[in-house]
Protein backbone atom coordinates (compact mmCIF):
# COMPACT_ATOMS: atom_id res chain seq x y z
CA MET A 1 -28.75 38.29 22.93
CA ALA A 2 -26.29 37.13 25.45
CA ASP A 3 -28.54 34.07 25.59
CA LEU A 4 -28.35 33.35 21.81
CA LEU A 5 -24.77 33.70 21.86
CA GLN A 6 -24.48 31.04 24.93
CA LYS A 7 -26.78 28.66 23.14
CA THR A 8 -24.78 29.02 19.99
CA LYS A 9 -21.70 29.01 21.58
CA LEU A 10 -22.89 25.30 23.28
CA LEU A 11 -24.03 24.25 19.99
CA GLU A 12 -20.43 24.67 18.61
CA ASP A 13 -19.05 23.10 20.89
CA ASN A 14 -21.63 20.21 21.26
CA ILE A 15 -20.76 20.06 17.51
CA LYS A 16 -16.94 19.87 18.12
CA LYS A 17 -17.42 16.91 20.54
CA LEU A 18 -19.73 14.97 17.95
CA LEU A 19 -16.84 15.63 15.60
CA ALA A 20 -14.23 13.96 17.56
CA LEU A 21 -16.42 11.26 18.75
CA HIS A 22 -17.45 10.65 15.06
CA GLN A 23 -13.70 10.83 14.24
CA GLY A 24 -12.83 8.11 17.06
CA GLN A 25 -15.32 5.40 15.84
CA LYS A 26 -14.32 5.75 12.48
CA ALA A 27 -10.52 5.07 13.75
CA LYS A 28 -11.87 1.94 15.88
CA ILE A 29 -13.92 0.59 12.43
CA HIS A 30 -10.60 0.71 10.63
CA LEU A 31 -8.83 -1.08 13.16
CA LEU A 32 -11.47 -3.70 13.46
CA GLU A 33 -11.71 -4.13 9.80
CA THR A 34 -8.15 -4.30 9.44
CA GLU A 35 -8.10 -7.26 12.42
CA ASN A 36 -11.13 -8.82 10.79
CA LYS A 37 -9.03 -9.16 7.61
CA GLN A 38 -6.05 -10.86 9.17
CA LEU A 39 -8.57 -13.14 11.43
CA LYS A 40 -10.32 -14.22 8.17
CA ALA A 41 -6.69 -15.14 6.53
CA THR A 42 -5.31 -16.99 9.32
CA ILE A 43 -8.91 -18.67 9.50
CA GLN A 44 -8.42 -19.76 5.88
CA GLN A 45 -4.97 -20.62 6.17
CA GLN A 46 -5.62 -22.77 9.21
CA GLN A 47 -8.68 -24.65 7.07
CA GLU A 48 -5.93 -25.30 4.26
CA GLN A 49 -3.64 -26.79 6.95
CA VAL A 50 -6.47 -29.14 8.26
CA ARG A 51 -7.51 -30.32 4.57
CA GLN A 52 -3.89 -31.15 4.18
CA LEU A 53 -3.42 -33.19 7.22
CA LYS A 54 -6.99 -35.07 6.82
CA ASP A 55 -5.11 -35.75 3.23
CA GLY A 56 -1.76 -36.74 4.40
CA LYS A 57 -4.04 -38.82 7.28
CA MET A 58 -6.35 -40.53 4.43
CA VAL A 59 -2.95 -41.27 2.33
CA GLN A 60 -1.34 -42.97 5.69
CA GLN A 61 -4.04 -44.76 6.33
CA ILE A 62 -4.80 -46.05 2.25
CA ALA A 63 -0.92 -46.58 2.01
CA THR A 64 -0.87 -48.76 5.67
CA GLY A 65 -3.98 -51.01 4.12
CA LEU A 66 -2.28 -51.27 0.54
CA LYS A 67 1.06 -52.25 1.86
CA ALA A 68 -0.65 -55.23 4.34
CA ASN A 69 -2.07 -56.37 0.74
CA LEU A 70 1.01 -55.55 -1.46
CA ARG A 71 4.18 -56.33 -0.10
CA ASP A 72 6.29 -55.50 -3.43
CA ASP A 73 5.75 -51.37 -3.47
CA SER A 74 7.26 -49.64 -0.55
CA THR A 75 5.17 -47.36 1.57
CA VAL A 76 6.68 -44.11 -0.06
CA GLU A 77 6.21 -45.44 -3.63
CA LEU A 78 2.14 -46.05 -2.64
CA LYS A 79 2.32 -42.29 -1.02
CA LYS A 80 3.33 -41.08 -4.31
CA LYS A 81 0.56 -42.97 -6.18
CA ILE A 82 -1.87 -41.97 -3.69
CA GLY A 83 -0.82 -38.46 -3.45
CA LEU A 84 -1.14 -38.21 -7.58
CA MET A 85 -4.41 -39.86 -7.46
CA ILE A 86 -5.70 -37.18 -4.94
CA ARG A 87 -4.27 -34.23 -6.82
CA GLU A 88 -6.18 -35.72 -10.16
CA ILE A 89 -9.48 -35.75 -7.86
CA ASP A 90 -8.96 -32.24 -6.86
CA GLN A 91 -8.28 -31.13 -10.19
CA CYS A 92 -11.53 -32.88 -11.58
CA ILE A 93 -13.47 -31.46 -8.57
CA ALA A 94 -12.45 -28.25 -9.28
CA THR A 95 -13.08 -28.32 -13.15
CA ILE A 96 -16.62 -29.02 -12.20
CA ASN A 97 -16.92 -26.52 -9.58
CA THR A 98 -15.94 -23.88 -12.41
């Protein structure tokens, strides 16, 4: 009978340990999920920044090329016109994708 009580106590202790480990793993998973969301948001922001930088570089290259051909428009005006064209193209692409 004492042997049965010892085994029951040992089983109870093991269950408590497993529950504690389970709680610890749940907390760790929660932290990792939170970190994962933050990293995904950071990636999305950086991808948007890269896109904006690429657009800006493209605008600069086009404006520089146009400036060589057209002496009467200023670079700022050309950048505005090109930016407007790019926004219109982006809107068209967004419309097509929906």
